[in-house]
Amino acid sequence: MKILAIENEIEGVEWDHLEDLLKEEALHVYNLYLSDSIREIYFTENKNAILILETEDKKTAINLLDTLPLVKSGKIRFELMELRPYSGYERIMK
């Protein structure tokens, strides 16, 4: 199942002096990418992460994101949405 994960920063988080944590985050994301759990990752113009995950279900995606260092340390959280195939073509394929 494809899952869209939209990062939301926790209000009041100070981002200064977090270089080591950000490196740890990047390495963890890279390993999840290599394992095919993260299919795509982007930043918005506001530097929030957008991830496309491939997991068994939404609960598995939540558990996966909970392993990220920035999530574990309470710096960010994610809003998740299941992505389902577009079915609108059925309207014109009759």
C-alpha atoms as a PDB file:
ATOM      1  CA  MET A   1       0.000   0.000   0.000  1.00  0.00           C
ATOM      2  CA  LYS A   2       1.259   3.468  -0.832  1.00  0.00           C
ATOM      3  CA  ILE A   3       1.175   5.983   1.985  1.00  0.00           C
ATOM      4  CA  LEU A   4       1.671   9.737   1.720  1.00  0.00           C
ATOM      5  CA  ALA A   5       3.431  11.090   4.814  1.00  0.00           C
ATOM      6  CA  ILE A   6       3.528  14.852   5.343  1.00  0.00           C
ATOM      7  CA  GLU A   7       5.912  16.162   7.980  1.00  0.00           C
ATOM      8  CA  ASN A   8       4.751  18.696  10.529  1.00  0.00           C
ATOM      9  CA  GLU A   9       7.273  20.351  12.807  1.00  0.00           C
ATOM     10  CA  ILE A  10       6.461  20.533  16.471  1.00  0.00           C
ATOM     11  CA  GLU A  11       5.962  24.154  17.502  1.00  0.00           C
ATOM     12  CA  GLY A  12       8.724  25.622  19.612  1.00  0.00           C
ATOM     13  CA  VAL A  13      11.471  23.236  18.508  1.00  0.00           C
ATOM     14  CA  GLU A  14      14.885  24.886  18.330  1.00  0.00           C
ATOM     15  CA  TRP A  15      16.761  23.631  15.248  1.00  0.00           C
ATOM     16  CA  ASP A  16      20.144  25.103  16.155  1.00  0.00           C
ATOM     17  CA  HIS A  17      22.910  22.667  17.088  1.00  0.00           C
ATOM     18  CA  LEU A  18      21.125  19.562  15.791  1.00  0.00           C
ATOM     19  CA  GLU A  19      23.693  18.640  13.120  1.00  0.00           C
ATOM     20  CA  ASP A  20      24.384  15.177  14.592  1.00  0.00           C
ATOM     21  CA  LEU A  21      20.679  14.359  14.888  1.00  0.00           C
ATOM     22  CA  LEU A  22      20.045  15.557  11.321  1.00  0.00           C
ATOM     23  CA  LYS A  23      22.897  13.358  10.033  1.00  0.00           C
ATOM     24  CA  GLU A  24      21.447  10.402  11.948  1.00  0.00           C
ATOM     25  CA  GLU A  25      18.049  11.165  10.390  1.00  0.00           C
ATOM     26  CA  ALA A  26      19.514  11.282   6.876  1.00  0.00           C
ATOM     27  CA  LEU A  27      21.272   7.934   7.360  1.00  0.00           C
ATOM     28  CA  HIS A  28      18.096   6.336   8.718  1.00  0.00           C
ATOM     29  CA  VAL A  29      16.032   7.681   5.795  1.00  0.00           C
ATOM     30  CA  TYR A  30      18.679   6.414   3.363  1.00  0.00           C
ATOM     31  CA  ASN A  31      18.490   2.915   4.858  1.00  0.00           C
ATOM     32  CA  LEU A  32      14.684   2.943   4.639  1.00  0.00           C
ATOM     33  CA  TYR A  33      15.016   4.015   1.003  1.00  0.00           C
ATOM     34  CA  LEU A  34      17.395   1.131   0.307  1.00  0.00           C
ATOM     35  CA  SER A  35      14.924  -1.278   1.936  1.00  0.00           C
ATOM     36  CA  ASP A  36      12.157  -0.036  -0.412  1.00  0.00           C
ATOM     37  CA  SER A  37      10.026   1.244   2.472  1.00  0.00           C
ATOM     38  CA  ILE A  38      10.522   4.836   1.346  1.00  0.00           C
ATOM     39  CA  ARG A  39       9.890   5.076  -2.391  1.00  0.00           C
ATOM     40  CA  GLU A  40      10.197   8.847  -2.786  1.00  0.00           C
ATOM     41  CA  ILE A  41      11.110  11.783  -0.590  1.00  0.00           C
ATOM     42  CA  TYR A  42      10.837  15.512  -1.211  1.00  0.00           C
ATOM     43  CA  PHE A  43      10.982  18.825   0.603  1.00  0.00           C
ATOM     44  CA  THR A  44       8.287  21.473   0.238  1.00  0.00           C
ATOM     45  CA  GLU A  45       9.158  25.134  -0.249  1.00  0.00           C
ATOM     46  CA  ASN A  46       8.887  25.389   3.558  1.00  0.00           C
ATOM     47  CA  LYS A  47      11.416  22.552   3.987  1.00  0.00           C
ATOM     48  CA  ASN A  48       8.863  20.061   5.300  1.00  0.00           C
ATOM     49  CA  ALA A  49       9.473  16.480   4.203  1.00  0.00           C
ATOM     50  CA  ILE A  50       7.007  14.642   2.004  1.00  0.00           C
ATOM     51  CA  LEU A  51       7.477  10.873   1.839  1.00  0.00           C
ATOM     52  CA  ILE A  52       5.857   8.245  -0.322  1.00  0.00           C
ATOM     53  CA  LEU A  53       6.018   4.980   1.616  1.00  0.00           C
ATOM     54  CA  GLU A  54       5.316   1.433   0.486  1.00  0.00           C
ATOM     55  CA  THR A  55       4.104  -0.602   3.450  1.00  0.00           C
ATOM     56  CA  GLU A  56       1.682  -3.394   4.248  1.00  0.00           C
ATOM     57  CA  ASP A  57      -0.787  -0.963   5.824  1.00  0.00           C
ATOM     58  CA  LYS A  58      -1.095   2.419   7.514  1.00  0.00           C
ATOM     59  CA  LYS A  59      -0.210   1.033  10.959  1.00  0.00           C
ATOM     60  CA  THR A  60       3.054  -0.374   9.587  1.00  0.00           C
ATOM     61  CA  ALA A  61       3.829   3.049   8.090  1.00  0.00           C
ATOM     62  CA  ILE A  62       3.223   4.705  11.461  1.00  0.00           C
ATOM     63  CA  ASN A  63       5.540   2.219  13.170  1.00  0.00           C
ATOM     64  CA  LEU A  64       8.186   2.803  10.500  1.00  0.00           C
ATOM     65  CA  LEU A  65       8.045   6.588  10.860  1.00  0.00           C
ATOM     66  CA  ASP A  66       8.237   6.256  14.636  1.00  0.00           C
ATOM     67  CA  THR A  67      11.768   4.841  14.172  1.00  0.00           C
ATOM     68  CA  LEU A  68      13.020   8.099  12.634  1.00  0.00           C
ATOM     69  CA  PRO A  69      15.375   9.986  14.986  1.00  0.00           C
ATOM     70  CA  LEU A  70      13.530  13.298  14.567  1.00  0.00           C
ATOM     71  CA  VAL A  71      10.207  11.623  15.399  1.00  0.00           C
ATOM     72  CA  LYS A  72      11.689   9.722  18.342  1.00  0.00           C
ATOM     73  CA  SER A  73      13.169  12.935  19.731  1.00  0.00           C
ATOM     74  CA  GLY A  74       9.851  14.797  19.408  1.00  0.00           C
ATOM     75  CA  LYS A  75      11.034  17.293  16.783  1.00  0.00           C
ATOM     76  CA  ILE A  76       8.563  16.328  14.037  1.00  0.00           C
ATOM     77  CA  ARG A  77       5.437  14.281  13.439  1.00  0.00           C
ATOM     78  CA  PHE A  78       3.717  13.063  10.295  1.00  0.00           C
ATOM     79  CA  GLU A  79       0.217  13.192   8.890  1.00  0.00           C
ATOM     80  CA  LEU A  80      -0.468   9.999   6.914  1.00  0.00           C
ATOM     81  CA  MET A  81      -2.881   9.300   4.082  1.00  0.00           C
ATOM     82  CA  GLU A  82      -3.437   6.088   2.163  1.00  0.00           C
ATOM     83  CA  LEU A  83      -3.008   6.517  -1.579  1.00  0.00           C
ATOM     84  CA  ARG A  84      -5.329   4.450  -3.716  1.00  0.00           C
ATOM     85  CA  PRO A  85      -5.306   4.005  -7.475  1.00  0.00           C
ATOM     86  CA  TYR A  86      -7.232   6.606  -9.446  1.00  0.00           C
ATOM     87  CA  SER A  87     -10.537   5.095 -10.554  1.00  0.00           C
ATOM     88  CA  GLY A  88     -11.842   8.048 -12.584  1.00  0.00           C
ATOM     89  CA  TYR A  89     -11.015   6.381 -15.901  1.00  0.00           C
ATOM     90  CA  GLU A  90     -13.966   4.059 -15.324  1.00  0.00           C
ATOM     91  CA  ARG A  91     -16.183   7.019 -16.196  1.00  0.00           C
ATOM     92  CA  ILE A  92     -14.872   7.160 -19.760  1.00  0.00           C
ATOM     93  CA  MET A  93     -14.111   3.483 -20.421  1.00  0.00           C
ATOM     94  CA  LYS A  94     -17.683   2.216 -20.896  1.00  0.00           C
END
